[in-house]
């Protein structure tokens, strides 16, 4: 059985009625498993996690695009998270019975259908990228919705599918295939943005930090604190504990406490176990041969201060 994960992000995290109208299409689809969806008012963004057959997944994404086209006007939208489209990004991730090459093909099919059906330009990124400067999603997204109006007309930024002009209300989309990405945020007990900016600079690849980390600072007004928000592109080569402990170490320079951390979307059990082995070794504890999901949840809350975290955030819970 072929199973892919798809994690479409749409640019609305505040209007609950609008979010539910968009999600009603997803909830009505009996062919695809809706794992969860998480909305954030500060980021003004909703992250949807789906599992299922690749072809049926594409059909659902097309329906979802149509609803977002009706519901979201980026001329009237703003938030802490960078965005270039009403649906901003659509990644396909191989889970079972599917390889990366196949996921690249699914992303191309999806992008072509969106562009031809709704006249929304699409850029291929990550493993699907056809140009080196499009591998990184932030590189494509630079300038956001407002800046893309001119950027997309430049010869180097003609979209992979669709006309070189953004949809006037929807914008454009990044569609791609990638390995499992860990969307991870660390909470800092401060309201000033400068320390978070400095800490993000210390850990991200683009400024000399960890190779597989994209990171930036953000102030969350509703929560009253700052975050270092990041994507870990390869948790095997840069485990979570290493990044978490580096952020705690850097925060001490500013006499700031790390109060918690969160996972956005799903995470593999393996990513958690790899970090827990570090903490067991630090405390001279024998690591168990097997850990239940319940035991993993207890330990990541204890050692890595995960909040709002339970078994439903671990992908193996759904397989």
C-alpha atoms as a PDB file:
ATOM      1  CA  UNK A   1       0.000   0.000   0.000  1.00  0.00           C
ATOM      2  CA  UNK A   2       1.399   3.394  -1.014  1.00  0.00           C
ATOM      3  CA  UNK A   3       1.275   6.040   1.713  1.00  0.00           C
ATOM      4  CA  UNK A   4       2.548   9.603   1.538  1.00  0.00           C
ATOM      5  CA  UNK A   5       2.386  12.351   4.068  1.00  0.00           C
ATOM      6  CA  UNK A   6       1.340  15.761   2.806  1.00  0.00           C
ATOM      7  CA  UNK A   7       1.579  18.904   4.952  1.00  0.00           C
ATOM      8  CA  UNK A   8      -0.167  21.818   3.224  1.00  0.00           C
ATOM      9  CA  UNK A   9       0.187  25.152   5.058  1.00  0.00           C
ATOM     10  CA  UNK A  10      -2.502  27.760   4.421  1.00  0.00           C
ATOM     11  CA  UNK A  11      -2.278  31.428   5.331  1.00  0.00           C
ATOM     12  CA  UNK A  12      -5.073  31.792   7.870  1.00  0.00           C
ATOM     13  CA  UNK A  13      -4.742  31.176  11.607  1.00  0.00           C
ATOM     14  CA  UNK A  14      -7.111  33.675  13.214  1.00  0.00           C
ATOM     15  CA  UNK A  15     -10.600  33.467  11.715  1.00  0.00           C
ATOM     16  CA  UNK A  16     -11.938  30.204  13.177  1.00  0.00           C
ATOM     17  CA  UNK A  17     -15.024  30.133  10.956  1.00  0.00           C
ATOM     18  CA  UNK A  18     -12.913  30.586   7.828  1.00  0.00           C
ATOM     19  CA  UNK A  19     -10.486  27.879   8.988  1.00  0.00           C
ATOM     20  CA  UNK A  20     -13.352  25.448   9.532  1.00  0.00           C
ATOM     21  CA  UNK A  21     -14.837  26.188   6.107  1.00  0.00           C
ATOM     22  CA  UNK A  22     -11.480  25.309   4.540  1.00  0.00           C
ATOM     23  CA  UNK A  23     -11.076  22.216   6.712  1.00  0.00           C
ATOM     24  CA  UNK A  24     -14.621  21.000   5.989  1.00  0.00           C
ATOM     25  CA  UNK A  25     -13.420  19.817   2.566  1.00  0.00           C
ATOM     26  CA  UNK A  26     -10.640  17.814   4.220  1.00  0.00           C
ATOM     27  CA  UNK A  27     -12.893  16.370   6.897  1.00  0.00           C
ATOM     28  CA  UNK A  28     -15.431  15.240   4.295  1.00  0.00           C
ATOM     29  CA  UNK A  29     -12.841  13.203   2.382  1.00  0.00           C
ATOM     30  CA  UNK A  30     -13.032   9.541   3.404  1.00  0.00           C
ATOM     31  CA  UNK A  31      -9.994   8.514   1.364  1.00  0.00           C
ATOM     32  CA  UNK A  32      -7.374  10.522   3.236  1.00  0.00           C
ATOM     33  CA  UNK A  33      -6.491  10.422   6.938  1.00  0.00           C
ATOM     34  CA  UNK A  34      -6.569  13.852   8.584  1.00  0.00           C
ATOM     35  CA  UNK A  35      -3.971  13.472  11.326  1.00  0.00           C
ATOM     36  CA  UNK A  36      -4.314  16.983  12.734  1.00  0.00           C
ATOM     37  CA  UNK A  37      -4.381  20.661  11.931  1.00  0.00           C
ATOM     38  CA  UNK A  38      -2.818  23.382  14.025  1.00  0.00           C
ATOM     39  CA  UNK A  39      -3.641  27.079  13.730  1.00  0.00           C
ATOM     40  CA  UNK A  40      -1.558  29.889  15.190  1.00  0.00           C
ATOM     41  CA  UNK A  41      -2.946  33.411  15.438  1.00  0.00           C
ATOM     42  CA  UNK A  42       0.456  35.112  15.731  1.00  0.00           C
ATOM     43  CA  UNK A  43       1.814  33.314  12.690  1.00  0.00           C
ATOM     44  CA  UNK A  44      -1.623  33.616  10.998  1.00  0.00           C
ATOM     45  CA  UNK A  45      -1.108  30.183   9.536  1.00  0.00           C
ATOM     46  CA  UNK A  46      -2.607  26.694   9.730  1.00  0.00           C
ATOM     47  CA  UNK A  47      -0.537  23.538   9.268  1.00  0.00           C
ATOM     48  CA  UNK A  48      -2.483  20.482   8.074  1.00  0.00           C
ATOM     49  CA  UNK A  49      -1.045  16.961   8.321  1.00  0.00           C
ATOM     50  CA  UNK A  50      -2.476  14.285   6.018  1.00  0.00           C
ATOM     51  CA  UNK A  51      -1.697  10.620   5.303  1.00  0.00           C
ATOM     52  CA  UNK A  52      -2.918   8.509   2.433  1.00  0.00           C
ATOM     53  CA  UNK A  53      -2.761   7.262  -1.138  1.00  0.00           C
ATOM     54  CA  UNK A  54      -0.766   9.679  -3.355  1.00  0.00           C
ATOM     55  CA  UNK A  55      -3.304  10.003  -6.191  1.00  0.00           C
ATOM     56  CA  UNK A  56      -6.201  10.564  -3.831  1.00  0.00           C
ATOM     57  CA  UNK A  57      -4.032  13.004  -1.889  1.00  0.00           C
ATOM     58  CA  UNK A  58      -3.578  15.117  -5.019  1.00  0.00           C
ATOM     59  CA  UNK A  59      -7.337  15.121  -5.616  1.00  0.00           C
ATOM     60  CA  UNK A  60      -7.911  16.424  -2.092  1.00  0.00           C
ATOM     61  CA  UNK A  61      -5.227  19.112  -2.420  1.00  0.00           C
ATOM     62  CA  UNK A  62      -6.936  20.368  -5.594  1.00  0.00           C
ATOM     63  CA  UNK A  63     -10.245  20.681  -3.711  1.00  0.00           C
ATOM     64  CA  UNK A  64      -8.499  22.395  -0.810  1.00  0.00           C
ATOM     65  CA  UNK A  65      -6.879  24.872  -3.192  1.00  0.00           C
ATOM     66  CA  UNK A  66     -10.276  25.843  -4.584  1.00  0.00           C
ATOM     67  CA  UNK A  67     -11.656  26.594  -1.122  1.00  0.00           C
ATOM     68  CA  UNK A  68      -8.585  28.617  -0.105  1.00  0.00           C
ATOM     69  CA  UNK A  69      -8.911  30.583  -3.340  1.00  0.00           C
ATOM     70  CA  UNK A  70     -12.426  31.594  -2.290  1.00  0.00           C
ATOM     71  CA  UNK A  71     -11.646  32.222   1.379  1.00  0.00           C
ATOM     72  CA  UNK A  72      -8.206  33.902   1.523  1.00  0.00           C
ATOM     73  CA  UNK A  73      -7.132  37.220   0.024  1.00  0.00           C
ATOM     74  CA  UNK A  74      -3.445  37.827   0.725  1.00  0.00           C
ATOM     75  CA  UNK A  75      -3.905  41.546   0.043  1.00  0.00           C
ATOM     76  CA  UNK A  76      -5.685  41.630   3.425  1.00  0.00           C
ATOM     77  CA  UNK A  77      -3.569  39.051   5.285  1.00  0.00           C
ATOM     78  CA  UNK A  78      -0.523  39.545   7.498  1.00  0.00           C
ATOM     79  CA  UNK A  79       1.264  37.585  10.219  1.00  0.00           C
ATOM     80  CA  UNK A  80       4.619  36.668  11.699  1.00  0.00           C
ATOM     81  CA  UNK A  81       5.183  33.797   9.250  1.00  0.00           C
ATOM     82  CA  UNK A  82       6.516  34.571   5.776  1.00  0.00           C
ATOM     83  CA  UNK A  83       4.059  33.649   3.002  1.00  0.00           C
ATOM     84  CA  UNK A  84       3.667  33.901  -0.751  1.00  0.00           C
ATOM     85  CA  UNK A  85       0.385  32.049  -1.256  1.00  0.00           C
ATOM     86  CA  UNK A  86      -3.009  31.401   0.307  1.00  0.00           C
ATOM     87  CA  UNK A  87      -1.796  27.816   0.375  1.00  0.00           C
ATOM     88  CA  UNK A  88       1.860  28.627   0.835  1.00  0.00           C
ATOM     89  CA  UNK A  89       3.547  25.245   0.591  1.00  0.00           C
ATOM     90  CA  UNK A  90       2.592  21.672  -0.350  1.00  0.00           C
ATOM     91  CA  UNK A  91       5.253  19.051   0.470  1.00  0.00           C
ATOM     92  CA  UNK A  92       4.965  15.338  -0.393  1.00  0.00           C
ATOM     93  CA  UNK A  93       6.880  13.008   1.959  1.00  0.00           C
ATOM     94  CA  UNK A  94       7.392   9.249   1.360  1.00  0.00           C
ATOM     95  CA  UNK A  95       6.082   7.117   4.224  1.00  0.00           C
ATOM     96  CA  UNK A  96       5.375   3.566   3.017  1.00  0.00           C
ATOM     97  CA  UNK A  97       5.665   1.816  -0.346  1.00  0.00           C
ATOM     98  CA  UNK A  98       6.761   5.058  -2.010  1.00  0.00           C
ATOM     99  CA  UNK A  99      10.221   6.404  -2.813  1.00  0.00           C
ATOM    100  CA  UNK A 100      11.442   9.971  -3.199  1.00  0.00           C
ATOM    101  CA  UNK A 101      11.498   9.821  -6.995  1.00  0.00           C
ATOM    102  CA  UNK A 102       7.800   8.945  -6.994  1.00  0.00           C
ATOM    103  CA  UNK A 103       7.052  11.817  -4.610  1.00  0.00           C
ATOM    104  CA  UNK A 104       8.804  14.190  -7.016  1.00  0.00           C
ATOM    105  CA  UNK A 105       6.459  12.955  -9.738  1.00  0.00           C
ATOM    106  CA  UNK A 106       3.405  13.464  -7.492  1.00  0.00           C
ATOM    107  CA  UNK A 107       4.495  17.009  -6.703  1.00  0.00           C
ATOM    108  CA  UNK A 108       4.846  17.768 -10.424  1.00  0.00           C
ATOM    109  CA  UNK A 109       1.389  16.387 -11.179  1.00  0.00           C
ATOM    110  CA  UNK A 110      -0.130  18.371  -8.319  1.00  0.00           C
ATOM    111  CA  UNK A 111       1.585  21.620  -9.353  1.00  0.00           C
ATOM    112  CA  UNK A 112       0.570  21.220 -13.005  1.00  0.00           C
ATOM    113  CA  UNK A 113      -3.080  20.609 -12.076  1.00  0.00           C
ATOM    114  CA  UNK A 114      -3.218  23.630  -9.751  1.00  0.00           C
ATOM    115  CA  UNK A 115      -1.634  25.923 -12.339  1.00  0.00           C
ATOM    116  CA  UNK A 116      -3.844  24.778 -15.221  1.00  0.00           C
ATOM    117  CA  UNK A 117      -7.083  24.658 -13.212  1.00  0.00           C
ATOM    118  CA  UNK A 118      -6.848  27.868 -11.188  1.00  0.00           C
ATOM    119  CA  UNK A 119      -4.119  29.911 -12.934  1.00  0.00           C
ATOM    120  CA  UNK A 120      -2.032  29.853  -9.746  1.00  0.00           C
ATOM    121  CA  UNK A 121       1.712  29.689 -10.515  1.00  0.00           C
ATOM    122  CA  UNK A 122       3.701  26.966  -8.764  1.00  0.00           C
ATOM    123  CA  UNK A 123       7.401  26.649  -7.970  1.00  0.00           C
ATOM    124  CA  UNK A 124       8.991  23.227  -7.451  1.00  0.00           C
ATOM    125  CA  UNK A 125      11.327  23.063  -4.435  1.00  0.00           C
ATOM    126  CA  UNK A 126      13.448  20.652  -2.349  1.00  0.00           C
ATOM    127  CA  UNK A 127      13.928  17.283  -4.136  1.00  0.00           C
ATOM    128  CA  UNK A 128      11.582  18.440  -6.915  1.00  0.00           C
ATOM    129  CA  UNK A 129      13.582  21.588  -7.695  1.00  0.00           C
ATOM    130  CA  UNK A 130      14.786  21.955 -11.270  1.00  0.00           C
ATOM    131  CA  UNK A 131      17.139  24.822 -10.428  1.00  0.00           C
ATOM    132  CA  UNK A 132      19.723  25.094  -7.643  1.00  0.00           C
ATOM    133  CA  UNK A 133      18.320  28.369  -6.301  1.00  0.00           C
ATOM    134  CA  UNK A 134      14.896  26.731  -5.847  1.00  0.00           C
ATOM    135  CA  UNK A 135      15.951  23.891  -3.569  1.00  0.00           C
ATOM    136  CA  UNK A 136      15.419  26.115  -0.525  1.00  0.00           C
ATOM    137  CA  UNK A 137      11.822  27.225   0.027  1.00  0.00           C
ATOM    138  CA  UNK A 138      12.892  30.482   1.798  1.00  0.00           C
ATOM    139  CA  UNK A 139      14.868  31.377  -1.331  1.00  0.00           C
ATOM    140  CA  UNK A 140      11.746  31.065  -3.470  1.00  0.00           C
ATOM    141  CA  UNK A 141       9.546  32.803  -0.916  1.00  0.00           C
ATOM    142  CA  UNK A 142      11.895  35.773  -0.413  1.00  0.00           C
ATOM    143  CA  UNK A 143       9.944  38.965  -1.030  1.00  0.00           C
ATOM    144  CA  UNK A 144       6.708  37.231   0.003  1.00  0.00           C
ATOM    145  CA  UNK A 145       3.347  37.895  -1.662  1.00  0.00           C
ATOM    146  CA  UNK A 146       3.994  41.600  -2.129  1.00  0.00           C
ATOM    147  CA  UNK A 147       7.476  41.205  -3.608  1.00  0.00           C
ATOM    148  CA  UNK A 148       6.561  38.220  -5.800  1.00  0.00           C
ATOM    149  CA  UNK A 149       4.502  40.494  -8.062  1.00  0.00           C
ATOM    150  CA  UNK A 150       7.730  41.788  -9.618  1.00  0.00           C
ATOM    151  CA  UNK A 151      10.058  38.884  -8.783  1.00  0.00           C
ATOM    152  CA  UNK A 152       8.035  36.348 -10.768  1.00  0.00           C
ATOM    153  CA  UNK A 153       8.517  38.427 -13.939  1.00  0.00           C
ATOM    154  CA  UNK A 154      12.309  38.167 -13.732  1.00  0.00           C
ATOM    155  CA  UNK A 155      13.848  35.612 -16.159  1.00  0.00           C
ATOM    156  CA  UNK A 156      15.384  33.620 -13.268  1.00  0.00           C
ATOM    157  CA  UNK A 157      12.065  33.325 -11.443  1.00  0.00           C
ATOM    158  CA  UNK A 158       9.638  32.160 -14.097  1.00  0.00           C
ATOM    159  CA  UNK A 159       7.439  29.577 -12.309  1.00  0.00           C
ATOM    160  CA  UNK A 160       7.795  25.896 -13.109  1.00  0.00           C
ATOM    161  CA  UNK A 161       4.077  25.744 -13.841  1.00  0.00           C
ATOM    162  CA  UNK A 162       1.796  28.633 -14.775  1.00  0.00           C
ATOM    163  CA  UNK A 163       2.243  32.125 -16.144  1.00  0.00           C
ATOM    164  CA  UNK A 164       4.913  34.521 -14.802  1.00  0.00           C
ATOM    165  CA  UNK A 165       2.378  36.544 -12.850  1.00  0.00           C
ATOM    166  CA  UNK A 166       0.972  35.841  -9.410  1.00  0.00           C
ATOM    167  CA  UNK A 167      -2.721  35.237  -8.835  1.00  0.00           C
ATOM    168  CA  UNK A 168      -4.026  38.640  -7.667  1.00  0.00           C
ATOM    169  CA  UNK A 169      -5.527  37.332  -4.398  1.00  0.00           C
ATOM    170  CA  UNK A 170      -4.007  33.859  -3.946  1.00  0.00           C
ATOM    171  CA  UNK A 171      -0.370  34.502  -4.883  1.00  0.00           C
ATOM    172  CA  UNK A 172       1.717  31.417  -5.739  1.00  0.00           C
ATOM    173  CA  UNK A 173       2.662  28.066  -4.179  1.00  0.00           C
ATOM    174  CA  UNK A 174       5.807  26.088  -3.400  1.00  0.00           C
ATOM    175  CA  UNK A 175       5.192  22.405  -4.230  1.00  0.00           C
ATOM    176  CA  UNK A 176       7.828  19.769  -3.634  1.00  0.00           C
ATOM    177  CA  UNK A 177       9.029  16.435  -2.337  1.00  0.00           C
ATOM    178  CA  UNK A 178      11.247  16.158   0.715  1.00  0.00           C
ATOM    179  CA  UNK A 179      12.354  13.941   3.548  1.00  0.00           C
ATOM    180  CA  UNK A 180      10.720  14.207   6.917  1.00  0.00           C
ATOM    181  CA  UNK A 181      11.174  17.721   8.299  1.00  0.00           C
ATOM    182  CA  UNK A 182      10.854  18.564  11.983  1.00  0.00           C
ATOM    183  CA  UNK A 183       9.093  21.887  12.535  1.00  0.00           C
ATOM    184  CA  UNK A 184      10.355  22.891  15.967  1.00  0.00           C
ATOM    185  CA  UNK A 185      10.026  26.029  18.110  1.00  0.00           C
ATOM    186  CA  UNK A 186      11.800  26.884  21.373  1.00  0.00           C
ATOM    187  CA  UNK A 187      10.229  29.311  23.877  1.00  0.00           C
ATOM    188  CA  UNK A 188      12.326  32.063  25.462  1.00  0.00           C
ATOM    189  CA  UNK A 189      11.241  33.863  28.625  1.00  0.00           C
ATOM    190  CA  UNK A 190      11.606  37.359  27.197  1.00  0.00           C
ATOM    191  CA  UNK A 191       9.684  39.892  25.137  1.00  0.00           C
ATOM    192  CA  UNK A 192      12.648  41.600  23.483  1.00  0.00           C
ATOM    193  CA  UNK A 193      13.406  40.313  19.994  1.00  0.00           C
ATOM    194  CA  UNK A 194      17.148  40.964  19.877  1.00  0.00           C
ATOM    195  CA  UNK A 195      18.278  37.913  21.943  1.00  0.00           C
ATOM    196  CA  UNK A 196      16.084  35.565  19.901  1.00  0.00           C
ATOM    197  CA  UNK A 197      17.547  37.024  16.714  1.00  0.00           C
ATOM    198  CA  UNK A 198      21.085  36.449  17.973  1.00  0.00           C
ATOM    199  CA  UNK A 199      20.324  32.892  19.076  1.00  0.00           C
ATOM    200  CA  UNK A 200      18.681  32.040  15.740  1.00  0.00           C
ATOM    201  CA  UNK A 201      21.765  33.335  13.963  1.00  0.00           C
ATOM    202  CA  UNK A 202      23.954  31.028  16.071  1.00  0.00           C
ATOM    203  CA  UNK A 203      22.125  27.837  15.058  1.00  0.00           C
ATOM    204  CA  UNK A 204      21.043  28.307  11.448  1.00  0.00           C
ATOM    205  CA  UNK A 205      23.057  27.196   8.426  1.00  0.00           C
ATOM    206  CA  UNK A 206      22.917  30.493   6.537  1.00  0.00           C
ATOM    207  CA  UNK A 207      24.838  32.347   9.272  1.00  0.00           C
ATOM    208  CA  UNK A 208      27.343  29.634  10.169  1.00  0.00           C
ATOM    209  CA  UNK A 209      25.301  27.383  12.452  1.00  0.00           C
ATOM    210  CA  UNK A 210      24.068  23.831  11.950  1.00  0.00           C
ATOM    211  CA  UNK A 211      23.999  22.594   8.356  1.00  0.00           C
ATOM    212  CA  UNK A 212      20.444  21.273   8.347  1.00  0.00           C
ATOM    213  CA  UNK A 213      18.741  24.047  10.319  1.00  0.00           C
ATOM    214  CA  UNK A 214      16.684  27.009   9.121  1.00  0.00           C
ATOM    215  CA  UNK A 215      15.838  29.349  12.005  1.00  0.00           C
ATOM    216  CA  UNK A 216      14.567  32.795  12.848  1.00  0.00           C
ATOM    217  CA  UNK A 217      13.192  34.863  15.757  1.00  0.00           C
ATOM    218  CA  UNK A 218       9.556  35.737  16.344  1.00  0.00           C
ATOM    219  CA  UNK A 219       7.610  37.556  19.055  1.00  0.00           C
ATOM    220  CA  UNK A 220       4.277  35.941  19.931  1.00  0.00           C
ATOM    221  CA  UNK A 221       2.050  38.732  21.158  1.00  0.00           C
ATOM    222  CA  UNK A 222      -0.773  36.524  22.421  1.00  0.00           C
ATOM    223  CA  UNK A 223       1.653  34.395  24.444  1.00  0.00           C
ATOM    224  CA  UNK A 224       3.802  37.312  25.564  1.00  0.00           C
ATOM    225  CA  UNK A 225       7.198  35.774  24.776  1.00  0.00           C
ATOM    226  CA  UNK A 226       9.653  35.217  21.945  1.00  0.00           C
ATOM    227  CA  UNK A 227      10.500  32.012  20.117  1.00  0.00           C
ATOM    228  CA  UNK A 228      13.343  30.667  18.087  1.00  0.00           C
ATOM    229  CA  UNK A 229      11.351  29.030  15.304  1.00  0.00           C
ATOM    230  CA  UNK A 230      13.016  26.538  12.995  1.00  0.00           C
ATOM    231  CA  UNK A 231      12.920  23.657  10.561  1.00  0.00           C
ATOM    232  CA  UNK A 232      15.300  20.762  11.133  1.00  0.00           C
ATOM    233  CA  UNK A 233      15.853  19.331   7.660  1.00  0.00           C
ATOM    234  CA  UNK A 234      17.751  16.230   8.800  1.00  0.00           C
ATOM    235  CA  UNK A 235      17.168  15.095  12.382  1.00  0.00           C
ATOM    236  CA  UNK A 236      19.608  12.190  11.970  1.00  0.00           C
ATOM    237  CA  UNK A 237      22.566  14.478  11.295  1.00  0.00           C
ATOM    238  CA  UNK A 238      21.387  17.239  13.636  1.00  0.00           C
ATOM    239  CA  UNK A 239      19.359  15.689  16.466  1.00  0.00           C
ATOM    240  CA  UNK A 240      16.920  17.793  18.441  1.00  0.00           C
ATOM    241  CA  UNK A 241      18.873  17.608  21.707  1.00  0.00           C
ATOM    242  CA  UNK A 242      21.905  19.255  20.106  1.00  0.00           C
ATOM    243  CA  UNK A 243      19.878  22.235  18.927  1.00  0.00           C
ATOM    244  CA  UNK A 244      17.891  22.486  22.147  1.00  0.00           C
ATOM    245  CA  UNK A 245      20.998  22.474  24.335  1.00  0.00           C
ATOM    246  CA  UNK A 246      22.747  24.996  22.086  1.00  0.00           C
ATOM    247  CA  UNK A 247      19.788  27.370  22.381  1.00  0.00           C
ATOM    248  CA  UNK A 248      19.797  26.966  26.176  1.00  0.00           C
ATOM    249  CA  UNK A 249      23.517  27.652  26.266  1.00  0.00           C
ATOM    250  CA  UNK A 250      23.205  30.755  24.081  1.00  0.00           C
ATOM    251  CA  UNK A 251      20.225  32.018  26.110  1.00  0.00           C
ATOM    252  CA  UNK A 252      22.344  32.023  29.270  1.00  0.00           C
ATOM    253  CA  UNK A 253      24.433  34.824  27.757  1.00  0.00           C
ATOM    254  CA  UNK A 254      21.365  37.047  28.046  1.00  0.00           C
ATOM    255  CA  UNK A 255      20.199  35.641  31.403  1.00  0.00           C
ATOM    256  CA  UNK A 256      17.121  34.243  29.664  1.00  0.00           C
ATOM    257  CA  UNK A 257      15.388  30.990  30.556  1.00  0.00           C
ATOM    258  CA  UNK A 258      14.152  28.452  28.009  1.00  0.00           C
ATOM    259  CA  UNK A 259      10.643  27.668  29.242  1.00  0.00           C
ATOM    260  CA  UNK A 260       9.438  25.122  26.716  1.00  0.00           C
ATOM    261  CA  UNK A 261       9.451  23.790  23.184  1.00  0.00           C
ATOM    262  CA  UNK A 262       6.872  22.607  20.674  1.00  0.00           C
ATOM    263  CA  UNK A 263       6.594  20.371  17.644  1.00  0.00           C
ATOM    264  CA  UNK A 264       4.372  21.620  14.830  1.00  0.00           C
ATOM    265  CA  UNK A 265       2.783  18.752  12.918  1.00  0.00           C
ATOM    266  CA  UNK A 266       4.115  15.208  13.257  1.00  0.00           C
ATOM    267  CA  UNK A 267       7.486  13.788  14.239  1.00  0.00           C
ATOM    268  CA  UNK A 268       8.900  10.252  13.847  1.00  0.00           C
ATOM    269  CA  UNK A 269       9.477   8.255  17.020  1.00  0.00           C
ATOM    270  CA  UNK A 270      13.070   7.728  15.861  1.00  0.00           C
ATOM    271  CA  UNK A 271      13.753  11.484  16.038  1.00  0.00           C
ATOM    272  CA  UNK A 272      12.706  11.517  19.688  1.00  0.00           C
ATOM    273  CA  UNK A 273      14.494   8.312  20.666  1.00  0.00           C
ATOM    274  CA  UNK A 274      17.790   9.564  19.225  1.00  0.00           C
ATOM    275  CA  UNK A 275      17.681  12.590  21.524  1.00  0.00           C
ATOM    276  CA  UNK A 276      16.457  10.686  24.559  1.00  0.00           C
ATOM    277  CA  UNK A 277      19.538   8.427  24.338  1.00  0.00           C
ATOM    278  CA  UNK A 278      21.666  11.530  24.928  1.00  0.00           C
ATOM    279  CA  UNK A 279      19.778  12.488  28.095  1.00  0.00           C
ATOM    280  CA  UNK A 280      19.830   8.935  29.432  1.00  0.00           C
ATOM    281  CA  UNK A 281      23.602   8.849  28.949  1.00  0.00           C
ATOM    282  CA  UNK A 282      24.003  12.229  30.690  1.00  0.00           C
ATOM    283  CA  UNK A 283      22.127  10.843  33.689  1.00  0.00           C
ATOM    284  CA  UNK A 284      23.983   7.491  33.683  1.00  0.00           C
ATOM    285  CA  UNK A 285      20.779   5.600  32.908  1.00  0.00           C
ATOM    286  CA  UNK A 286      20.498   2.408  30.882  1.00  0.00           C
ATOM    287  CA  UNK A 287      18.467   3.044  27.771  1.00  0.00           C
ATOM    288  CA  UNK A 288      15.605   0.542  27.323  1.00  0.00           C
ATOM    289  CA  UNK A 289      15.575  -1.752  24.285  1.00  0.00           C
ATOM    290  CA  UNK A 290      11.982  -0.781  23.572  1.00  0.00           C
ATOM    291  CA  UNK A 291       9.988   2.327  24.508  1.00  0.00           C
ATOM    292  CA  UNK A 292       6.250   2.693  24.176  1.00  0.00           C
ATOM    293  CA  UNK A 293       4.881   5.915  22.735  1.00  0.00           C
ATOM    294  CA  UNK A 294       3.549   6.792  26.181  1.00  0.00           C
ATOM    295  CA  UNK A 295       7.036   6.431  27.700  1.00  0.00           C
ATOM    296  CA  UNK A 296       8.539   8.541  24.922  1.00  0.00           C
ATOM    297  CA  UNK A 297       6.006  11.317  25.549  1.00  0.00           C
ATOM    298  CA  UNK A 298       6.773  11.348  29.281  1.00  0.00           C
ATOM    299  CA  UNK A 299      10.515  11.577  28.700  1.00  0.00           C
ATOM    300  CA  UNK A 300      10.513  14.285  26.009  1.00  0.00           C
ATOM    301  CA  UNK A 301       8.367  16.444  28.281  1.00  0.00           C
ATOM    302  CA  UNK A 302      10.825  15.846  31.120  1.00  0.00           C
ATOM    303  CA  UNK A 303      14.115  16.312  29.294  1.00  0.00           C
ATOM    304  CA  UNK A 304      13.267  18.569  26.349  1.00  0.00           C
ATOM    305  CA  UNK A 305      10.367  20.536  27.866  1.00  0.00           C
ATOM    306  CA  UNK A 306       7.884  19.674  25.118  1.00  0.00           C
ATOM    307  CA  UNK A 307       4.510  21.316  25.694  1.00  0.00           C
ATOM    308  CA  UNK A 308       1.151  20.472  24.126  1.00  0.00           C
ATOM    309  CA  UNK A 309       2.605  17.121  23.156  1.00  0.00           C
ATOM    310  CA  UNK A 310       1.067  13.657  23.229  1.00  0.00           C
ATOM    311  CA  UNK A 311       1.047  10.397  21.249  1.00  0.00           C
ATOM    312  CA  UNK A 312      -1.005  11.941  18.446  1.00  0.00           C
ATOM    313  CA  UNK A 313       2.040  14.023  17.493  1.00  0.00           C
ATOM    314  CA  UNK A 314       4.107  10.893  16.763  1.00  0.00           C
ATOM    315  CA  UNK A 315       3.692   9.479  13.273  1.00  0.00           C
ATOM    316  CA  UNK A 316       3.877   5.821  14.365  1.00  0.00           C
ATOM    317  CA  UNK A 317       0.617   6.362  16.240  1.00  0.00           C
ATOM    318  CA  UNK A 318      -1.160   6.470  12.867  1.00  0.00           C
ATOM    319  CA  UNK A 319       0.665   3.735  10.955  1.00  0.00           C
END
